[in-house]
Amino acid sequence: MKTSTSFKSITLIALLGAVLAAPVLAQPGPGMGGGMGPGMGMQNAAPGAGMGQGAGKGQSGRAMRFNQNNTRGWTLMTPEERTAFQIRMREVKTYDECKLVQTEHRSAMETRAKEKGVTLQAPRRNACDNLKARGIIK
């Protein structure tokens, strides 16, 4: 009798755990672009990002991503400013033009950070060097 009750309890707990875990496992993760559009982890993406094949891609065919992980001052910008910066970076054609956009952006973010009393982290890598290495800019 006691074994039967224990077995039922364990079975009930396992079933309840599976029912609660199923919706969590069914959720798409970040970066699931593939034509899903805004509302699916793309709130701060540039217009057209994740909207099908070729959207937001450079000449090499690889997507260029500018986000909180690789854009200095991301948290200090409004969503509109983020979108404008992404568009500007995607429109650059040369390394010198990229460096100019990058320098202007960093200067503005350093000024804003100083006004708010925060310290900007140094970039982990240079976006212009990365774009040039990938053949997206010349």
N, C-alpha and C. Protein backbone atom coordinates (compact mmCIF):
# COMPACT_ATOMS: atom_id res chain seq x y z
N MET A 1 0.82 -1.19 0.00
CA MET A 1 0.00 0.00 0.00
C MET A 1 0.86 1.25 0.00
N LYS A 2 1.91 1.29 0.89
CA LYS A 2 2.78 2.44 0.97
C LYS A 2 3.56 2.61 -0.33
N THR A 3 4.02 1.52 -0.96
CA THR A 3 4.76 1.57 -2.21
C THR A 3 3.88 2.12 -3.32
N SER A 4 2.63 1.72 -3.35
CA SER A 4 1.68 2.20 -4.37
C SER A 4 1.46 3.70 -4.23
N THR A 5 1.33 4.20 -3.03
CA THR A 5 1.13 5.63 -2.79
C THR A 5 2.38 6.42 -3.20
N SER A 6 3.56 5.92 -2.86
CA SER A 6 4.80 6.58 -3.24
C SER A 6 4.95 6.63 -4.75
N PHE A 7 4.64 5.53 -5.42
CA PHE A 7 4.73 5.48 -6.87
C PHE A 7 3.78 6.49 -7.50
N LYS A 8 2.56 6.60 -6.98
CA LYS A 8 1.59 7.56 -7.50
C LYS A 8 2.08 8.99 -7.30
N SER A 9 2.67 9.28 -6.14
CA SER A 9 3.18 10.62 -5.85
C SER A 9 4.32 10.99 -6.79
N ILE A 10 5.24 10.07 -6.99
CA ILE A 10 6.37 10.32 -7.89
C ILE A 10 5.88 10.52 -9.32
N THR A 11 4.92 9.69 -9.75
CA THR A 11 4.37 9.81 -11.09
C THR A 11 3.67 11.16 -11.26
N LEU A 12 2.92 11.58 -10.27
CA LEU A 12 2.20 12.85 -10.32
C LEU A 12 3.18 14.03 -10.39
N ILE A 13 4.24 13.99 -9.60
CA ILE A 13 5.24 15.05 -9.61
C ILE A 13 5.96 15.12 -10.95
N ALA A 14 6.32 13.98 -11.51
CA ALA A 14 6.98 13.94 -12.81
C ALA A 14 6.08 14.48 -13.91
N LEU A 15 4.83 14.11 -13.88
CA LEU A 15 3.86 14.57 -14.87
C LEU A 15 3.65 16.08 -14.76
N LEU A 16 3.52 16.57 -13.54
CA LEU A 16 3.35 18.00 -13.32
C LEU A 16 4.58 18.77 -13.81
N GLY A 17 5.77 18.25 -13.54
CA GLY A 17 7.01 18.89 -14.01
C GLY A 17 7.07 18.95 -15.53
N ALA A 18 6.68 17.88 -16.19
CA ALA A 18 6.69 17.84 -17.65
C ALA A 18 5.69 18.84 -18.23
N VAL A 19 4.52 18.94 -17.62
CA VAL A 19 3.49 19.88 -18.10
C VAL A 19 3.98 21.32 -17.95
N LEU A 20 4.64 21.63 -16.84
CA LEU A 20 5.13 22.98 -16.62
C LEU A 20 6.34 23.32 -17.49
N ALA A 21 7.16 22.34 -17.83
CA ALA A 21 8.37 22.58 -18.61
C ALA A 21 8.08 22.69 -20.11
N ALA A 22 7.04 22.06 -20.60
CA ALA A 22 6.76 22.04 -22.04
C ALA A 22 6.63 23.43 -22.65
N PRO A 23 5.87 24.38 -22.08
CA PRO A 23 5.78 25.70 -22.71
C PRO A 23 7.11 26.45 -22.72
N VAL A 24 7.93 26.27 -21.73
CA VAL A 24 9.23 26.94 -21.68
C VAL A 24 10.13 26.42 -22.79
N LEU A 25 10.14 25.13 -23.00
CA LEU A 25 10.98 24.53 -24.03
C LEU A 25 10.50 24.89 -25.43
N ALA A 26 9.25 25.24 -25.59
CA ALA A 26 8.69 25.55 -26.90
C ALA A 26 8.95 26.99 -27.32
N GLN A 27 9.48 27.84 -26.43
CA GLN A 27 9.73 29.24 -26.76
C GLN A 27 10.97 29.39 -27.64
N PRO A 28 10.90 30.28 -28.66
CA PRO A 28 12.09 30.51 -29.48
C PRO A 28 13.14 31.28 -28.69
N GLY A 29 14.37 30.98 -28.94
CA GLY A 29 15.47 31.66 -28.27
C GLY A 29 15.83 32.96 -28.97
N PRO A 30 16.76 33.73 -28.40
CA PRO A 30 17.18 34.97 -29.04
C PRO A 30 17.88 34.69 -30.35
N GLY A 31 17.74 35.60 -31.28
CA GLY A 31 18.41 35.45 -32.56
C GLY A 31 17.73 34.49 -33.51
N MET A 32 16.45 34.26 -33.32
CA MET A 32 15.74 33.31 -34.15
C MET A 32 15.17 33.98 -35.40
N GLY A 33 15.68 35.15 -35.77
CA GLY A 33 15.29 35.93 -36.95
C GLY A 33 14.42 35.19 -37.94
N GLY A 34 15.01 34.67 -39.00
CA GLY A 34 14.34 33.82 -39.97
C GLY A 34 12.96 34.23 -40.40
N GLY A 35 12.69 35.52 -40.52
CA GLY A 35 11.40 35.97 -41.02
C GLY A 35 10.36 36.18 -39.95
N MET A 36 10.73 36.18 -38.69
CA MET A 36 9.74 36.35 -37.63
C MET A 36 9.35 37.81 -37.42
N GLY A 37 10.26 38.72 -37.64
CA GLY A 37 9.95 40.14 -37.52
C GLY A 37 9.89 40.62 -36.09
N PRO A 38 9.50 41.88 -35.89
CA PRO A 38 9.46 42.48 -34.55
C PRO A 38 8.53 41.72 -33.61
N GLY A 39 8.87 41.77 -32.33
CA GLY A 39 8.05 41.10 -31.34
C GLY A 39 8.61 39.74 -30.97
N MET A 40 9.56 39.25 -31.72
CA MET A 40 10.12 37.94 -31.45
C MET A 40 11.61 38.07 -31.18
N GLY A 41 11.96 38.93 -30.22
CA GLY A 41 13.36 39.14 -29.89
C GLY A 41 14.03 40.14 -30.82
N MET A 42 13.26 40.87 -31.59
CA MET A 42 13.80 41.79 -32.58
C MET A 42 13.38 43.23 -32.29
N GLN A 43 13.04 43.55 -31.03
CA GLN A 43 12.51 44.86 -30.70
C GLN A 43 13.43 46.00 -31.12
N ASN A 44 14.74 45.84 -31.01
CA ASN A 44 15.66 46.93 -31.29
C ASN A 44 16.39 46.73 -32.61
N ALA A 45 15.91 45.84 -33.45
CA ALA A 45 16.59 45.60 -34.71
C ALA A 45 16.22 46.67 -35.72
N ALA A 46 17.06 46.83 -36.69
CA ALA A 46 16.80 47.80 -37.74
C ALA A 46 15.62 47.33 -38.59
N PRO A 47 14.94 48.26 -39.26
CA PRO A 47 13.82 47.86 -40.11
C PRO A 47 14.29 46.84 -41.14
N GLY A 48 13.53 45.79 -41.29
CA GLY A 48 13.85 44.75 -42.26
C GLY A 48 14.73 43.65 -41.71
N ALA A 49 15.28 43.82 -40.51
CA ALA A 49 16.14 42.78 -39.96
C ALA A 49 15.30 41.57 -39.61
N GLY A 50 15.75 40.40 -39.99
CA GLY A 50 15.03 39.17 -39.70
C GLY A 50 13.79 39.00 -40.53
N MET A 51 13.69 39.71 -41.63
CA MET A 51 12.49 39.67 -42.44
C MET A 51 12.68 38.84 -43.71
N GLY A 52 13.45 37.83 -43.64
CA GLY A 52 13.60 36.97 -44.80
C GLY A 52 15.05 36.93 -45.27
N GLN A 53 15.25 36.21 -46.35
CA GLN A 53 16.58 35.99 -46.85
C GLN A 53 17.22 37.27 -47.38
N GLY A 54 18.45 37.53 -46.96
CA GLY A 54 19.20 38.67 -47.47
C GLY A 54 19.01 39.95 -46.70
N ALA A 55 18.02 40.03 -45.81
CA ALA A 55 17.76 41.27 -45.08
C ALA A 55 18.89 41.56 -44.12
N GLY A 56 19.40 42.79 -44.13
CA GLY A 56 20.43 43.21 -43.21
C GLY A 56 21.78 42.57 -43.47
N LYS A 57 22.00 42.09 -44.69
CA LYS A 57 23.25 41.41 -44.98
C LYS A 57 24.15 42.29 -45.82
N GLY A 58 25.43 42.12 -45.61
CA GLY A 58 26.42 42.86 -46.38
C GLY A 58 26.74 42.13 -47.66
N GLN A 59 27.79 42.59 -48.34
CA GLN A 59 28.17 42.03 -49.61
C GLN A 59 28.62 40.58 -49.50
N SER A 60 29.10 40.19 -48.33
CA SER A 60 29.59 38.82 -48.17
C SER A 60 28.46 37.82 -47.95
N GLY A 61 27.23 38.30 -47.74
CA GLY A 61 26.11 37.41 -47.51
C GLY A 61 25.92 37.06 -46.05
N ARG A 62 26.72 37.64 -45.17
CA ARG A 62 26.58 37.37 -43.74
C ARG A 62 25.93 38.58 -43.08
N ALA A 63 25.05 38.32 -42.14
CA ALA A 63 24.35 39.40 -41.44
C ALA A 63 25.33 40.21 -40.60
N MET A 64 25.14 41.53 -40.61
CA MET A 64 25.92 42.41 -39.75
C MET A 64 25.05 42.73 -38.55
N ARG A 65 25.52 42.41 -37.36
CA ARG A 65 24.72 42.61 -36.16
C ARG A 65 25.36 43.68 -35.29
N PHE A 66 24.58 44.69 -34.98
CA PHE A 66 25.00 45.73 -34.06
C PHE A 66 24.00 45.70 -32.93
N ASN A 67 24.47 45.34 -31.73
CA ASN A 67 23.57 45.20 -30.60
C ASN A 67 24.27 45.52 -29.29
N GLN A 68 23.62 45.23 -28.17
CA GLN A 68 24.17 45.55 -26.86
C GLN A 68 25.49 44.85 -26.58
N ASN A 69 25.80 43.80 -27.27
CA ASN A 69 27.03 43.07 -27.04
C ASN A 69 28.23 43.66 -27.77
N ASN A 70 27.98 44.45 -28.81
CA ASN A 70 29.12 44.95 -29.58
C ASN A 70 29.01 46.43 -29.96
N THR A 71 28.07 47.15 -29.39
CA THR A 71 27.92 48.56 -29.70
C THR A 71 28.14 49.38 -28.43
N ARG A 72 29.15 50.19 -28.47
CA ARG A 72 29.48 51.01 -27.31
C ARG A 72 28.37 52.02 -27.04
N GLY A 73 27.90 52.09 -25.79
CA GLY A 73 26.87 53.04 -25.40
C GLY A 73 25.46 52.61 -25.74
N TRP A 74 25.25 51.35 -26.05
CA TRP A 74 23.92 50.83 -26.45
C TRP A 74 22.85 51.20 -25.45
N THR A 75 23.14 51.06 -24.17
CA THR A 75 22.14 51.32 -23.13
C THR A 75 21.86 52.80 -22.95
N LEU A 76 22.71 53.65 -23.50
CA LEU A 76 22.51 55.10 -23.39
C LEU A 76 21.70 55.65 -24.56
N MET A 77 21.39 54.81 -25.54
CA MET A 77 20.65 55.25 -26.73
C MET A 77 19.19 54.87 -26.65
N THR A 78 18.36 55.67 -27.31
CA THR A 78 16.94 55.32 -27.45
C THR A 78 16.82 54.28 -28.55
N PRO A 79 15.71 53.57 -28.62
CA PRO A 79 15.54 52.61 -29.72
C PRO A 79 15.69 53.25 -31.10
N GLU A 80 15.25 54.49 -31.24
CA GLU A 80 15.36 55.19 -32.52
C GLU A 80 16.83 55.46 -32.86
N GLU A 81 17.60 55.84 -31.84
CA GLU A 81 19.03 56.10 -32.06
C GLU A 81 19.77 54.81 -32.41
N ARG A 82 19.38 53.72 -31.79
CA ARG A 82 20.00 52.42 -32.09
C ARG A 82 19.75 52.05 -33.54
N THR A 83 18.50 52.22 -33.97
CA THR A 83 18.15 51.90 -35.35
C THR A 83 18.91 52.79 -36.32
N ALA A 84 19.00 54.09 -36.02
CA ALA A 84 19.73 55.01 -36.89
C ALA A 84 21.21 54.63 -36.98
N PHE A 85 21.80 54.24 -35.84
CA PHE A 85 23.21 53.83 -35.85
C PHE A 85 23.40 52.56 -36.68
N GLN A 86 22.52 51.60 -36.51
CA GLN A 86 22.61 50.36 -37.28
C GLN A 86 22.53 50.65 -38.78
N ILE A 87 21.62 51.52 -39.15
CA ILE A 87 21.46 51.87 -40.57
C ILE A 87 22.73 52.54 -41.09
N ARG A 88 23.28 53.49 -40.33
CA ARG A 88 24.50 54.19 -40.75
C ARG A 88 25.65 53.21 -40.93
N MET A 89 25.79 52.28 -40.00
CA MET A 89 26.89 51.31 -40.11
C MET A 89 26.68 50.36 -41.28
N ARG A 90 25.47 50.03 -41.59
CA ARG A 90 25.20 49.13 -42.72
C ARG A 90 25.39 49.84 -44.06
N GLU A 91 25.32 51.17 -44.06
CA GLU A 91 25.45 51.93 -45.30
C GLU A 91 26.89 52.29 -45.64
N VAL A 92 27.83 52.13 -44.70
CA VAL A 92 29.21 52.51 -45.01
C VAL A 92 29.77 51.60 -46.09
N LYS A 93 30.60 52.20 -46.96
CA LYS A 93 31.17 51.44 -48.07
C LYS A 93 32.68 51.28 -47.95
N THR A 94 33.33 52.19 -47.21
CA THR A 94 34.78 52.13 -47.08
C THR A 94 35.19 52.09 -45.62
N TYR A 95 36.43 51.68 -45.40
CA TYR A 95 36.97 51.61 -44.05
C TYR A 95 37.03 53.00 -43.43
N ASP A 96 37.47 53.99 -44.20
CA ASP A 96 37.57 55.36 -43.68
C ASP A 96 36.20 55.91 -43.29
N GLU A 97 35.19 55.63 -44.10
CA GLU A 97 33.83 56.07 -43.78
C GLU A 97 33.34 55.39 -42.50
N CYS A 98 33.65 54.12 -42.35
CA CYS A 98 33.28 53.36 -41.16
C CYS A 98 33.93 53.96 -39.92
N LYS A 99 35.24 54.26 -40.02
CA LYS A 99 35.96 54.84 -38.88
C LYS A 99 35.37 56.20 -38.50
N LEU A 100 34.94 56.99 -39.49
CA LEU A 100 34.34 58.29 -39.21
C LEU A 100 33.03 58.12 -38.45
N VAL A 101 32.16 57.21 -38.90
CA VAL A 101 30.90 56.95 -38.21
C VAL A 101 31.18 56.45 -36.80
N GLN A 102 32.13 55.56 -36.68
CA GLN A 102 32.48 54.98 -35.38
C GLN A 102 33.02 56.05 -34.43
N THR A 103 33.89 56.92 -34.91
CA THR A 103 34.47 57.98 -34.09
C THR A 103 33.40 58.96 -33.62
N GLU A 104 32.51 59.36 -34.53
CA GLU A 104 31.41 60.26 -34.16
C GLU A 104 30.52 59.63 -33.10
N HIS A 105 30.20 58.35 -33.29
CA HIS A 105 29.33 57.65 -32.34
C HIS A 105 30.00 57.54 -30.96
N ARG A 106 31.26 57.15 -30.94
CA ARG A 106 31.96 57.01 -29.67
C ARG A 106 32.08 58.33 -28.94
N SER A 107 32.33 59.39 -29.68
CA SER A 107 32.42 60.72 -29.06
C SER A 107 31.10 61.10 -28.41
N ALA A 108 30.01 60.88 -29.14
CA ALA A 108 28.68 61.21 -28.61
C ALA A 108 28.35 60.36 -27.38
N MET A 109 28.70 59.08 -27.41
CA MET A 109 28.40 58.20 -26.29
C MET A 109 29.28 58.53 -25.08
N GLU A 110 30.52 58.91 -25.30
CA GLU A 110 31.39 59.30 -24.19
C GLU A 110 30.87 60.56 -23.51
N THR A 111 30.39 61.51 -24.32
CA THR A 111 29.81 62.73 -23.77
C THR A 111 28.56 62.40 -22.95
N ARG A 112 27.70 61.58 -23.50
CA ARG A 112 26.48 61.19 -22.81
C ARG A 112 26.78 60.42 -21.52
N ALA A 113 27.75 59.53 -21.57
CA ALA A 113 28.12 58.75 -20.39
C ALA A 113 28.66 59.67 -19.30
N LYS A 114 29.47 60.65 -19.69
CA LYS A 114 30.02 61.59 -18.73
C LYS A 114 28.91 62.40 -18.06
N GLU A 115 27.91 62.82 -18.86
CA GLU A 115 26.77 63.57 -18.32
C GLU A 115 25.98 62.74 -17.31
N LYS A 116 25.88 61.44 -17.57
CA LYS A 116 25.11 60.55 -16.68
C LYS A 116 25.95 59.94 -15.58
N GLY A 117 27.25 60.21 -15.61
CA GLY A 117 28.13 59.70 -14.56
C GLY A 117 28.40 58.21 -14.64
N VAL A 118 28.40 57.67 -15.84
CA VAL A 118 28.71 56.25 -16.02
C VAL A 118 29.98 56.11 -16.86
N THR A 119 30.58 54.95 -16.77
CA THR A 119 31.80 54.68 -17.53
C THR A 119 31.48 53.71 -18.66
N LEU A 120 31.90 54.06 -19.86
CA LEU A 120 31.71 53.16 -20.99
C LEU A 120 32.79 52.11 -20.98
N GLN A 121 32.40 50.90 -21.30
CA GLN A 121 33.39 49.83 -21.42
C GLN A 121 34.09 49.99 -22.76
N ALA A 122 35.35 49.62 -22.78
CA ALA A 122 36.10 49.64 -24.04
C ALA A 122 35.56 48.54 -24.95
N PRO A 123 35.50 48.81 -26.24
CA PRO A 123 34.98 47.79 -27.17
C PRO A 123 35.90 46.57 -27.18
N ARG A 124 35.30 45.41 -27.31
CA ARG A 124 36.08 44.17 -27.34
C ARG A 124 36.83 44.02 -28.66
N ARG A 125 36.22 44.53 -29.74
CA ARG A 125 36.87 44.46 -31.05
C ARG A 125 36.40 45.65 -31.87
N ASN A 126 37.15 45.93 -32.90
CA ASN A 126 36.83 47.06 -33.76
C ASN A 126 35.89 46.60 -34.87
N ALA A 127 34.70 47.17 -34.91
CA ALA A 127 33.69 46.77 -35.90
C ALA A 127 34.18 47.02 -37.32
N CYS A 128 34.88 48.12 -37.54
CA CYS A 128 35.36 48.43 -38.89
C CYS A 128 36.39 47.41 -39.36
N ASP A 129 37.29 47.01 -38.46
CA ASP A 129 38.26 45.97 -38.81
C ASP A 129 37.55 44.66 -39.14
N ASN A 130 36.52 44.35 -38.38
CA ASN A 130 35.76 43.13 -38.60
C ASN A 130 35.05 43.16 -39.96
N LEU A 131 34.42 44.30 -40.27
CA LEU A 131 33.72 44.43 -41.55
C LEU A 131 34.69 44.33 -42.73
N LYS A 132 35.86 44.92 -42.57
CA LYS A 132 36.87 44.86 -43.63
C LYS A 132 37.38 43.44 -43.81
N ALA A 133 37.64 42.76 -42.70
CA ALA A 133 38.14 41.38 -42.76
C ALA A 133 37.13 40.44 -43.42
N ARG A 134 35.85 40.73 -43.24
CA ARG A 134 34.81 39.90 -43.84
C ARG A 134 34.50 40.29 -45.28
N GLY A 135 35.15 41.35 -45.78
CA GLY A 135 34.94 41.77 -47.16
C GLY A 135 33.67 42.58 -47.37
N ILE A 136 33.07 43.07 -46.29
CA ILE A 136 31.83 43.84 -46.42
C ILE A 136 32.14 45.28 -46.81
N ILE A 137 33.28 45.81 -46.35
CA ILE A 137 33.72 47.14 -46.77
C ILE A 137 35.13 47.03 -47.33
N LYS A 138 35.54 48.05 -48.08
CA LYS A 138 36.87 48.03 -48.71
C LYS A 138 37.80 48.97 -48.01
